[in-house]
Amino acid sequence: NRVFPEEFGQDGPTARGISDEQIEIRVPPSWKDDVPTFMEIMNHITIRSQQPESVAMSVKRLLITDPSPKNADAASWRWRALGDRILPVLRDLYESPEDLPRNAALKAGGRLKDPIAIPFLIEETKQGKSLAARIEAIHLLKDMPQDPRIMFGLRPLLDSNDIEIRLQTAEALIERRDPAVQSFSIDDKFELLWLPSTHELVYVTQSGEPRIIMTGDVNIQTPLSLNTWDNHLMVKESENDDSTLDVRYHNQDSGQTFHHKISTSLPNFAMFLAHHSTPEEPSPGLNLSYSRTIGAIHELWRQQYLKADFKVEQDRLLAVIQRLTNEMTFTPRPDFATEDNETVPPPTFLEVPTPKELGIFDSDT
């Protein structure tokens, strides 16, 4: 109850003893959307009578003495449960040459919103030794209070050669409402988001809020001749103008045929596909659904009229899981061999980060 004091609208204390064997727990209103994190913190709350700084120091000494992945994870949660009073204990570890103690301290410091951790987390996003470590640093920065160092630290990652790092960074900047993000709501069908990058990318979500994220100057290549959906949609370059396209679309439901000229810019083309022209919003559009809009963009990519990478959420998820699994393959160091040259098997507690920790599932999944 000291760590989770009763909040406004809460019908009683967070913890209440029912008997000598049972304690009733109420999830505070501020944690309703993140119950797993609440449970982790609750499981690591100390009931020792010492000052939190003393407990934090003992955890620190244990981790330095035995820097195993299991101890690092437990230490990070224990420090977070102790609260921001123990931040001075963590800060000495931010520059530790040992990966596990440093990452555990940065994880706890980031979750406790320590501004001193920001430059170290930014460095971890660039120089982290694993994909999981770099992704976690991006997530911690994403949840930090507003600080211009985060904005200027994350933006260069949009030019990373690693497509997953680019996507994680784009999502973090979108959530932080970074001014570099251009956002367009397309007739309440989906959100189109564009970010600057030296890499051209189209990313489509399949769960949660419908989104198309684009990075770089994505343009439809000309000359082209695209006929799809039984010739109901036809796209070709305009005569004497390489910067515009001739689009012909036959609507089977209404029987109407539309003919428009539109820019080769893919963001403009996507908005044109989905927009419904009205007297209030008279700009041209085909009023296609989200799935139809994605289908048209995918067909352009499939026929190599887009130089951009095209990724959908499910394929991205599978690729990340495969990469993380490969990263977790453990090879014992030679000096761990036994006298009869048999190597010691890898520790059983080495665990792949959960999809929840990596942010690759929605909270409802």
Protein backbone atom coordinates (compact mmCIF):
# COMPACT_ATOMS: atom_id res chain seq x y z
CA ASN A 1 0.00 0.00 0.00
CA ARG A 2 3.00 2.30 0.43
CA VAL A 3 4.15 1.60 -3.14
CA PHE A 4 0.61 1.67 -4.57
CA PRO A 5 -1.36 4.15 -2.43
CA GLU A 6 -5.13 4.29 -2.87
CA GLU A 7 -6.06 6.40 -5.89
CA PHE A 8 -9.06 8.56 -6.67
CA GLY A 9 -11.95 6.31 -7.72
CA GLN A 10 -10.45 3.22 -6.10
CA ASP A 11 -12.90 1.39 -3.81
CA GLY A 12 -10.46 0.53 -1.06
CA PRO A 13 -6.75 0.03 -0.45
CA THR A 14 -4.64 -1.79 -3.05
CA ALA A 15 -3.92 -4.65 -0.62
CA ARG A 16 -6.25 -5.87 2.13
CA GLY A 17 -5.73 -8.85 4.40
CA ILE A 18 -8.58 -11.36 4.26
CA SER A 19 -7.09 -14.01 6.53
CA ASP A 20 -3.71 -15.21 7.74
CA GLU A 21 -3.34 -16.94 4.36
CA GLN A 22 -4.91 -14.56 1.86
CA ILE A 23 -4.47 -10.96 0.72
CA GLU A 24 -6.96 -9.32 -1.61
CA ILE A 25 -5.37 -7.14 -4.32
CA ARG A 26 -7.11 -4.33 -6.19
CA VAL A 27 -5.50 -3.08 -9.40
CA PRO A 28 -5.28 0.75 -9.09
CA PRO A 29 -7.08 2.70 -11.84
CA SER A 30 -3.79 4.01 -13.26
CA TRP A 31 -2.64 0.41 -13.89
CA LYS A 32 -5.83 -0.96 -15.48
CA ASP A 33 -4.24 -0.91 -18.95
CA ASP A 34 -1.01 -2.60 -17.86
CA VAL A 35 -1.90 -5.27 -15.32
CA PRO A 36 1.11 -7.53 -16.16
CA THR A 37 3.57 -4.75 -15.21
CA PHE A 38 1.61 -4.04 -12.03
CA MET A 39 1.85 -7.72 -11.08
CA GLU A 40 5.60 -7.83 -11.77
CA ILE A 41 6.23 -4.81 -9.56
CA MET A 42 3.96 -6.22 -6.85
CA ASN A 43 5.85 -9.52 -6.93
CA HIS A 44 9.15 -7.70 -6.39
CA ILE A 45 8.11 -5.36 -3.57
CA THR A 46 10.40 -5.87 -0.59
CA ILE A 47 9.01 -6.30 2.92
CA ARG A 48 12.42 -5.88 4.52
CA SER A 49 12.57 -3.16 7.15
CA GLN A 50 15.77 -1.47 5.90
CA GLN A 51 15.76 1.81 4.04
CA PRO A 52 15.19 1.34 0.27
CA GLU A 53 18.71 2.59 -0.47
CA SER A 54 20.14 -0.23 1.66
CA VAL A 55 18.01 -2.83 -0.11
CA ALA A 56 19.01 -1.40 -3.50
CA MET A 57 22.69 -1.65 -2.59
CA SER A 58 22.35 -5.28 -1.53
CA VAL A 59 20.62 -6.10 -4.83
CA LYS A 60 23.40 -4.27 -6.67
CA ARG A 61 26.11 -6.24 -4.89
CA LEU A 62 24.35 -9.53 -5.66
CA LEU A 63 24.07 -8.67 -9.35
CA ILE A 64 27.71 -7.63 -9.63
CA THR A 65 28.78 -10.83 -7.88
CA ASP A 66 26.54 -13.05 -10.04
CA PRO A 67 25.61 -11.18 -13.26
CA SER A 68 23.28 -13.79 -14.74
CA PRO A 69 20.32 -12.93 -17.03
CA LYS A 70 17.90 -14.20 -14.36
CA ASN A 71 19.44 -12.04 -11.64
CA ALA A 72 19.59 -9.01 -13.95
CA ASP A 73 15.87 -9.25 -14.71
CA ALA A 74 14.95 -9.72 -11.04
CA ALA A 75 17.23 -6.84 -9.98
CA SER A 76 15.64 -4.50 -12.50
CA TRP A 77 12.13 -5.23 -11.22
CA ARG A 78 13.22 -5.02 -7.56
CA TRP A 79 14.81 -1.59 -8.15
CA ARG A 80 11.70 -0.37 -9.89
CA ALA A 81 9.52 -1.54 -6.99
CA LEU A 82 11.75 0.38 -4.54
CA GLY A 83 10.99 3.67 -6.32
CA ASP A 84 12.96 6.71 -7.42
CA ARG A 85 14.68 7.17 -4.04
CA ILE A 86 17.21 4.54 -5.12
CA LEU A 87 18.18 6.22 -8.43
CA PRO A 88 21.61 7.33 -7.07
CA VAL A 89 22.41 3.64 -6.53
CA LEU A 90 21.61 2.87 -10.18
CA ARG A 91 23.45 5.75 -11.79
CA ASP A 92 26.89 4.30 -11.04
CA LEU A 93 25.91 1.30 -13.18
CA TYR A 94 24.82 3.30 -16.24
CA GLU A 95 28.46 3.36 -17.38
CA SER A 96 29.35 -0.15 -16.26
CA PRO A 97 31.45 -2.10 -18.79
CA GLU A 98 29.45 -5.23 -17.87
CA ASP A 99 26.41 -5.62 -20.11
CA LEU A 100 23.97 -7.29 -17.69
CA PRO A 101 24.37 -4.91 -14.71
CA ARG A 102 24.35 -1.89 -17.03
CA ASN A 103 21.25 -2.98 -18.91
CA ALA A 104 19.42 -3.91 -15.70
CA ALA A 105 20.17 -0.49 -14.20
CA LEU A 106 19.15 1.34 -17.40
CA LYS A 107 15.93 -0.65 -17.58
CA ALA A 108 15.05 0.25 -14.00
CA GLY A 109 16.17 3.86 -14.45
CA GLY A 110 14.14 4.20 -17.62
CA ARG A 111 11.04 2.79 -15.98
CA LEU A 112 11.54 5.20 -13.08
CA LYS A 113 11.81 8.09 -15.61
CA ASP A 114 15.34 9.05 -14.59
CA PRO A 115 16.46 11.91 -16.89
CA ILE A 116 20.10 10.97 -16.20
CA ALA A 117 19.47 7.67 -18.02
CA ILE A 118 18.41 9.33 -21.30
CA PRO A 119 21.84 9.74 -22.99
CA PHE A 120 22.84 6.22 -21.95
CA LEU A 121 19.59 4.78 -23.37
CA ILE A 122 20.13 6.70 -26.60
CA GLU A 123 23.61 5.18 -26.84
CA GLU A 124 22.11 1.74 -26.22
CA THR A 125 19.70 2.19 -29.16
CA LYS A 126 22.71 2.67 -31.42
CA GLN A 127 25.38 0.43 -29.92
CA GLY A 128 23.38 -2.26 -28.10
CA LYS A 129 24.84 -5.72 -28.63
CA SER A 130 21.50 -7.35 -29.43
CA LEU A 131 18.26 -6.48 -31.21
CA ALA A 132 16.32 -7.04 -27.97
CA ALA A 133 18.52 -4.58 -26.05
CA ARG A 134 18.17 -1.90 -28.72
CA ILE A 135 14.39 -2.34 -28.95
CA GLU A 136 14.02 -2.18 -25.18
CA ALA A 137 16.02 1.07 -25.05
CA ILE A 138 13.74 2.57 -27.72
CA HIS A 139 10.66 1.54 -25.71
CA LEU A 140 12.03 3.04 -22.52
CA LEU A 141 12.74 6.33 -24.30
CA LYS A 142 9.28 6.26 -25.86
CA ASP A 143 7.67 6.28 -22.40
CA MET A 144 9.90 9.00 -20.95
CA PRO A 145 8.55 12.51 -20.22
CA GLN A 146 9.10 15.07 -22.97
CA ASP A 147 12.77 15.89 -23.42
CA PRO A 148 14.35 17.29 -26.62
CA ARG A 149 17.31 14.92 -26.23
CA ILE A 150 14.99 12.00 -26.95
CA MET A 151 13.66 13.60 -30.13
CA PHE A 152 17.15 14.33 -31.48
CA GLY A 153 18.44 10.97 -30.26
CA LEU A 154 15.77 8.84 -31.92
CA ARG A 155 15.39 10.60 -35.27
CA PRO A 156 18.76 9.41 -36.70
CA LEU A 157 17.60 5.81 -36.15
CA LEU A 158 15.08 6.32 -38.98
CA ASP A 159 18.13 5.99 -41.25
CA SER A 160 19.30 2.72 -39.68
CA ASN A 161 20.08 -0.15 -42.04
CA ASP A 162 18.05 -2.42 -39.73
CA ILE A 163 14.41 -2.30 -40.82
CA GLU A 164 13.08 -3.37 -37.41
CA ILE A 165 14.98 -0.58 -35.67
CA ARG A 166 13.51 1.88 -38.18
CA LEU A 167 9.99 0.62 -37.51
CA GLN A 168 10.39 0.62 -33.73
CA THR A 169 11.75 4.17 -33.91
CA ALA A 170 8.92 5.32 -36.18
CA GLU A 171 6.32 3.94 -33.76
CA ALA A 172 8.06 5.57 -30.80
CA LEU A 173 8.18 8.98 -32.52
CA ILE A 174 4.53 8.64 -33.56
CA GLU A 175 3.47 7.89 -29.99
CA ARG A 176 5.53 10.82 -28.70
CA ARG A 177 3.87 13.09 -31.31
CA ASP A 178 7.21 14.15 -32.69
CA PRO A 179 6.97 17.21 -35.00
CA ALA A 180 8.84 15.25 -37.69
CA VAL A 181 5.79 12.97 -38.09
CA GLN A 182 3.20 14.04 -40.66
CA SER A 183 -0.17 12.53 -39.79
CA PHE A 184 -3.32 12.35 -41.93
CA SER A 185 -6.66 10.83 -40.91
CA ILE A 186 -8.26 9.45 -44.08
CA ASP A 187 -12.03 9.69 -43.74
CA ASP A 188 -11.90 7.83 -40.40
CA LYS A 189 -10.85 4.68 -42.30
CA PHE A 190 -7.19 4.67 -41.33
CA GLU A 191 -4.33 6.90 -40.33
CA LEU A 192 -1.53 7.66 -42.78
CA LEU A 193 1.76 8.60 -41.14
CA TRP A 194 4.91 9.75 -42.91
CA LEU A 195 8.40 10.19 -41.46
CA PRO A 196 11.64 11.39 -43.09
CA SER A 197 14.23 8.72 -43.83
CA THR A 198 16.90 7.78 -46.34
CA HIS A 199 15.11 4.42 -46.63
CA GLU A 200 11.77 4.03 -48.41
CA LEU A 201 9.34 1.85 -46.49
CA VAL A 202 5.62 1.06 -46.41
CA TYR A 203 4.33 -0.66 -43.27
CA VAL A 204 0.73 -1.79 -42.80
CA THR A 205 -0.90 -2.72 -39.48
CA GLN A 206 -3.34 -5.64 -39.27
CA SER A 207 -4.58 -5.27 -35.69
CA GLY A 208 -5.55 -2.42 -33.42
CA GLU A 209 -5.82 1.01 -35.00
CA PRO A 210 -5.56 0.76 -38.82
CA ARG A 211 -2.38 2.52 -39.94
CA ILE A 212 -0.16 2.89 -42.97
CA ILE A 213 3.30 4.13 -42.01
CA MET A 214 5.59 5.41 -44.77
CA THR A 215 9.17 6.59 -44.51
CA GLY A 216 11.32 8.32 -47.11
CA ASP A 217 10.28 9.84 -50.43
CA VAL A 218 8.17 6.96 -51.73
CA ASN A 219 7.13 7.54 -55.34
CA ILE A 220 5.43 5.34 -57.92
CA GLN A 221 7.90 4.52 -60.67
CA THR A 222 7.15 5.42 -64.28
CA PRO A 223 6.68 4.32 -66.99
CA LEU A 224 4.00 1.92 -65.76
CA SER A 225 0.90 0.11 -66.87
CA LEU A 226 -1.07 -1.45 -64.01
CA ASN A 227 -4.28 -3.38 -64.63
CA THR A 228 -5.79 -5.17 -61.63
CA TRP A 229 -9.08 -6.38 -60.16
CA ASP A 230 -10.26 -7.65 -63.58
CA ASN A 231 -9.30 -4.31 -65.14
CA HIS A 232 -11.53 -2.37 -62.76
CA LEU A 233 -8.46 -0.38 -61.66
CA MET A 234 -6.06 0.84 -64.33
CA VAL A 235 -3.07 3.10 -63.70
CA LYS A 236 -0.54 4.43 -66.20
CA GLU A 237 1.74 7.42 -66.54
CA SER A 238 0.27 10.62 -67.98
CA GLU A 239 1.31 11.63 -71.46
CA ASN A 240 3.97 14.36 -71.47
CA ASP A 241 4.07 14.48 -67.65
CA ASP A 242 6.12 11.94 -65.69
CA SER A 243 5.01 13.43 -62.35
CA THR A 244 1.33 12.48 -62.69
CA LEU A 245 -0.65 9.31 -63.27
CA ASP A 246 -3.83 8.58 -65.18
CA VAL A 247 -6.15 6.51 -62.99
CA ARG A 248 -9.30 4.81 -64.25
CA TYR A 249 -11.55 2.98 -61.78
CA HIS A 250 -14.86 1.23 -62.39
CA ASN A 251 -17.06 0.86 -59.30
CA GLN A 252 -18.97 -2.40 -59.66
CA ASP A 253 -21.52 -1.49 -56.97
CA SER A 254 -22.58 1.85 -58.45
CA GLY A 255 -21.68 1.12 -62.07
CA GLN A 256 -19.83 4.42 -62.26
CA THR A 257 -16.43 4.88 -63.90
CA PHE A 258 -14.00 7.49 -62.58
CA HIS A 259 -11.01 9.00 -64.35
CA HIS A 260 -8.53 11.21 -62.53
CA LYS A 261 -4.98 12.51 -62.72
CA ILE A 262 -2.97 12.12 -59.50
CA SER A 263 0.58 12.71 -58.32
CA THR A 264 3.13 9.87 -58.36
CA SER A 265 3.77 10.52 -54.65
CA LEU A 266 2.62 7.36 -52.84
CA PRO A 267 1.22 9.21 -49.79
CA ASN A 268 -0.92 11.35 -52.11
CA PHE A 269 -1.93 8.28 -54.12
CA ALA A 270 -2.96 6.40 -50.95
CA MET A 271 -5.08 9.33 -49.77
CA PHE A 272 -6.69 9.55 -53.22
CA LEU A 273 -7.59 5.84 -53.18
CA ALA A 274 -9.41 6.05 -49.84
CA HIS A 275 -10.90 9.55 -49.89
CA HIS A 276 -14.64 9.98 -50.40
CA SER A 277 -15.39 13.17 -52.33
CA THR A 278 -18.16 15.28 -50.77
CA PRO A 279 -19.30 18.89 -51.19
CA GLU A 280 -17.45 19.65 -47.96
CA GLU A 281 -14.31 17.74 -49.08
CA PRO A 282 -14.40 17.98 -52.88
CA SER A 283 -10.87 16.74 -53.59
CA PRO A 284 -10.92 13.67 -55.88
CA GLY A 285 -10.99 10.19 -54.43
CA LEU A 286 -12.15 6.63 -55.13
CA ASN A 287 -13.64 5.91 -51.66
CA LEU A 288 -11.88 2.54 -51.38
CA SER A 289 -11.80 0.66 -48.08
CA TYR A 290 -8.65 0.24 -45.99
CA SER A 291 -8.09 -3.29 -47.26
CA ARG A 292 -8.66 -2.28 -50.88
CA THR A 293 -6.27 0.64 -50.52
CA ILE A 294 -3.61 -1.69 -49.13
CA GLY A 295 -4.31 -4.15 -51.95
CA ALA A 296 -3.71 -1.51 -54.60
CA ILE A 297 -0.44 -0.38 -52.97
CA HIS A 298 0.70 -3.98 -52.61
CA GLU A 299 -0.02 -4.65 -56.29
CA LEU A 300 2.14 -1.66 -57.26
CA TRP A 301 4.93 -3.07 -55.07
CA ARG A 302 4.49 -6.64 -56.35
CA GLN A 303 4.84 -5.45 -59.94
CA GLN A 304 7.98 -3.51 -58.94
CA TYR A 305 6.56 -0.02 -59.43
CA LEU A 306 7.63 0.83 -55.86
CA LYS A 307 11.27 0.71 -54.79
CA ALA A 308 10.25 0.79 -51.13
CA ASP A 309 10.22 -2.14 -48.73
CA PHE A 310 6.66 -3.35 -48.12
CA LYS A 311 5.98 -4.91 -44.71
CA VAL A 312 2.81 -6.10 -43.03
CA GLU A 313 2.43 -6.59 -39.29
CA GLN A 314 2.25 -10.38 -39.29
CA ASP A 315 5.37 -10.86 -41.44
CA ARG A 316 7.26 -8.37 -39.32
CA LEU A 317 6.25 -10.17 -36.12
CA LEU A 318 7.47 -13.54 -37.42
CA ALA A 319 10.75 -12.03 -38.59
CA VAL A 320 11.41 -10.43 -35.19
CA ILE A 321 10.67 -13.67 -33.34
CA GLN A 322 13.08 -15.54 -35.63
CA ARG A 323 15.83 -12.98 -35.11
CA LEU A 324 15.42 -12.97 -31.35
CA THR A 325 15.47 -16.76 -31.28
CA ASN A 326 18.71 -16.79 -33.25
CA GLU A 327 20.23 -14.18 -30.91
CA MET A 328 19.46 -16.36 -27.91
CA THR A 329 21.44 -19.32 -29.28
CA PHE A 330 24.08 -19.85 -26.62
CA THR A 331 27.60 -21.18 -27.21
CA PRO A 332 29.54 -21.97 -24.01
CA ARG A 333 32.94 -20.30 -23.68
CA PRO A 334 35.89 -22.72 -23.95
CA ASP A 335 37.01 -22.01 -20.38
CA PHE A 336 33.73 -23.47 -19.10
CA ALA A 337 34.71 -26.94 -20.35
CA THR A 338 34.98 -29.77 -17.85
CA GLU A 339 38.10 -31.88 -17.33
CA ASP A 340 36.88 -34.53 -19.77
CA ASN A 341 36.29 -31.81 -22.41
CA GLU A 342 32.52 -31.93 -22.11
CA THR A 343 31.02 -28.48 -22.27
CA VAL A 344 28.57 -27.25 -19.68
CA PRO A 345 25.05 -26.91 -21.12
CA PRO A 346 23.62 -23.41 -21.41
CA PRO A 347 21.74 -22.04 -18.38
CA THR A 348 18.07 -23.00 -18.30
CA PHE A 349 17.04 -19.53 -17.17
CA LEU A 350 18.11 -17.73 -20.36
CA GLU A 351 14.77 -16.49 -21.62
CA VAL A 352 13.60 -14.80 -24.79
CA PRO A 353 11.91 -11.43 -24.02
CA THR A 354 8.13 -11.71 -24.12
CA PRO A 355 6.19 -10.10 -27.00
CA LYS A 356 4.63 -7.75 -24.40
CA GLU A 357 8.10 -6.51 -23.39
CA LEU A 358 9.07 -5.99 -27.02
CA GLY A 359 5.92 -4.10 -27.84
CA ILE A 360 5.14 -6.29 -30.86
CA PHE A 361 1.64 -7.22 -29.64
CA ASP A 362 -1.24 -4.93 -28.90
CA SER A 363 -2.32 -4.74 -25.27
CA ASP A 364 -5.51 -6.65 -26.21
CA THR A 365 -3.62 -9.55 -27.80
